[in-house]
Protein backbone atom coordinates (compact mmCIF):
# COMPACT_ATOMS: atom_id res chain seq x y z
CA MET A 1 0.00 0.00 0.00
CA THR A 2 1.36 3.42 -0.94
CA GLU A 3 1.75 5.90 1.90
CA VAL A 4 0.27 9.34 1.32
CA LYS A 5 1.89 12.33 3.00
CA LYS A 6 -0.48 14.24 5.25
CA ASP A 7 0.63 17.63 3.89
CA MET A 8 -0.11 16.58 0.31
CA ILE A 9 -3.37 18.13 -0.89
CA THR A 10 -4.76 16.53 -3.99
CA GLN A 11 -7.12 18.19 -6.39
CA PRO A 12 -10.59 17.09 -5.20
CA ILE A 13 -12.48 18.18 -8.33
CA THR A 14 -11.78 18.68 -12.02
CA LEU A 15 -12.71 21.71 -14.10
CA THR A 16 -12.65 20.91 -17.82
CA GLU A 17 -11.22 23.36 -20.36
CA GLY A 18 -14.78 24.29 -21.32
CA ALA A 19 -15.70 25.07 -17.70
CA ILE A 20 -12.51 27.11 -17.20
CA THR A 21 -13.17 29.13 -20.37
CA GLU A 22 -16.76 29.86 -19.33
CA LEU A 23 -15.81 30.76 -15.75
CA LYS A 24 -13.20 33.22 -17.08
CA ARG A 25 -15.79 34.74 -19.41
CA ILE A 26 -18.31 35.17 -16.60
CA MET A 27 -15.68 36.57 -14.25
CA THR A 28 -14.67 39.19 -16.82
CA GLU A 29 -18.22 40.01 -17.93
CA GLN A 30 -19.46 40.46 -14.36
CA LYS A 31 -16.27 42.23 -13.21
CA VAL A 32 -15.71 39.78 -10.36
CA ASP A 33 -13.01 41.03 -7.98
CA GLU A 34 -9.69 39.12 -7.83
CA SER A 35 -10.29 38.39 -4.12
CA HIS A 36 -13.08 36.01 -5.14
CA GLY A 37 -12.70 32.40 -6.12
CA VAL A 38 -15.00 29.71 -7.41
CA ARG A 39 -17.22 28.15 -4.75
CA VAL A 40 -18.20 24.53 -5.31
CA GLY A 41 -20.59 22.94 -2.88
CA VAL A 42 -23.91 21.27 -2.21
CA LYS A 43 -27.12 22.32 -0.53
CA GLY A 44 -30.24 20.44 0.48
CA GLY A 45 -33.04 20.52 -2.04
CA GLY A 46 -33.66 19.69 -5.64
CA CYS A 47 -35.70 16.76 -6.87
CA SER A 48 -33.10 14.17 -5.79
CA GLY A 49 -32.11 15.53 -2.35
CA PHE A 50 -29.06 17.74 -2.97
CA SER A 51 -28.34 20.53 -5.43
CA TYR A 52 -24.94 21.71 -6.60
CA VAL A 53 -23.59 25.15 -5.73
CA LEU A 54 -21.28 26.85 -8.23
CA GLY A 55 -20.47 30.55 -8.17
CA PHE A 56 -17.99 33.23 -7.22
CA ASP A 57 -17.43 33.90 -3.53
CA VAL A 58 -14.81 34.83 -0.93
CA LYS A 59 -13.11 32.27 1.28
CA LYS A 60 -14.92 31.45 4.53
CA GLU A 61 -13.64 29.94 7.77
CA LYS A 62 -14.90 26.39 7.03
CA ASP A 63 -13.39 26.29 3.52
CA ASP A 64 -10.49 24.41 2.06
CA GLU A 65 -8.80 26.26 -0.81
CA TYR A 66 -7.35 24.72 -3.95
CA MET A 67 -5.83 26.12 -7.15
CA ILE A 68 -7.52 24.46 -10.11
CA GLY A 69 -7.27 25.68 -13.70
CA GLY A 70 -5.90 29.04 -12.59
CA PHE A 71 -8.81 29.63 -10.18
CA LYS A 72 -8.93 29.67 -6.41
CA VAL A 73 -11.56 27.05 -5.62
CA PHE A 74 -13.32 27.11 -2.25
CA MET A 75 -15.12 24.11 -0.84
CA GLU A 76 -16.51 23.57 2.65
CA LYS A 77 -14.69 20.69 4.30
CA ALA A 78 -18.01 18.95 5.06
CA HIS A 79 -18.99 18.97 1.36
CA ALA A 80 -15.96 16.94 0.24
CA ILE A 81 -17.72 13.63 0.94
CA TYR A 82 -20.28 14.52 -1.76
CA LEU A 83 -17.94 16.19 -4.25
CA LEU A 84 -14.66 14.26 -4.22
CA GLY A 85 -13.84 13.26 -7.80
CA ILE A 86 -16.53 15.41 -9.46
CA GLU A 87 -15.89 16.78 -12.94
CA ILE A 88 -17.48 20.13 -13.81
CA ASP A 89 -17.88 20.83 -17.52
CA TRP A 90 -19.52 23.45 -19.73
CA VAL A 91 -21.70 22.18 -22.57
CA GLU A 92 -23.26 24.16 -25.33
CA GLY A 93 -25.55 22.26 -27.65
CA LEU A 94 -28.96 22.32 -29.25
CA ASN A 95 -30.72 20.73 -26.27
CA ASN A 96 -28.49 21.75 -23.37
CA ARG A 97 -26.38 24.75 -22.42
CA GLY A 98 -24.73 25.19 -19.05
CA PHE A 99 -22.48 23.66 -16.45
CA THR A 100 -22.75 19.91 -15.99
CA PHE A 101 -21.67 17.86 -12.99
CA ASN A 102 -20.29 14.35 -13.45
CA ASN A 103 -20.32 13.07 -9.87
CA PRO A 104 -19.01 9.55 -9.15
CA ASN A 105 -20.52 9.78 -5.61
CA ALA A 106 -24.10 10.27 -6.81
CA LYS A 107 -26.32 7.25 -6.28
CA ASP A 108 -29.16 8.83 -8.25
CA THR A 109 -29.58 12.01 -10.31
CA CYS A 110 -32.54 13.90 -11.66
CA GLY A 111 -33.31 14.52 -15.33
CA CYS A 112 -32.01 18.09 -15.22
CA GLY A 113 -28.61 16.96 -13.90
CA THR A 114 -28.39 19.62 -11.19
CA SER A 115 -29.51 17.55 -8.22
CA PHE A 116 -28.49 14.16 -6.86
CA SER A 117 -28.75 11.77 -3.95
CA ALA A 118 -25.79 10.21 -2.18
């Protein structure tokens, strides 16, 4: 078994190139201050039990901070159990346009893809 150093922080989520490009566009368009980062989280609700949170915010006391794709990414420590390994993408097609969440921890998802159960 490989030993993992305690001070080693791995990237808990993945932002695809499409997601990074769209986040940069939104940040510029909405003139988001450099002190803000991307908040990724979950909240209760949605048709499957939990909904994803994605937006710009400042770091809070309960947050872990990561650098992913050139962005500061903030995630509450308690949310990691639901989000570890998630891939966030941006899709733009005829039937769907927006951020998508590919979550390996989700036991069930809804048709809209923005809520899940764990």
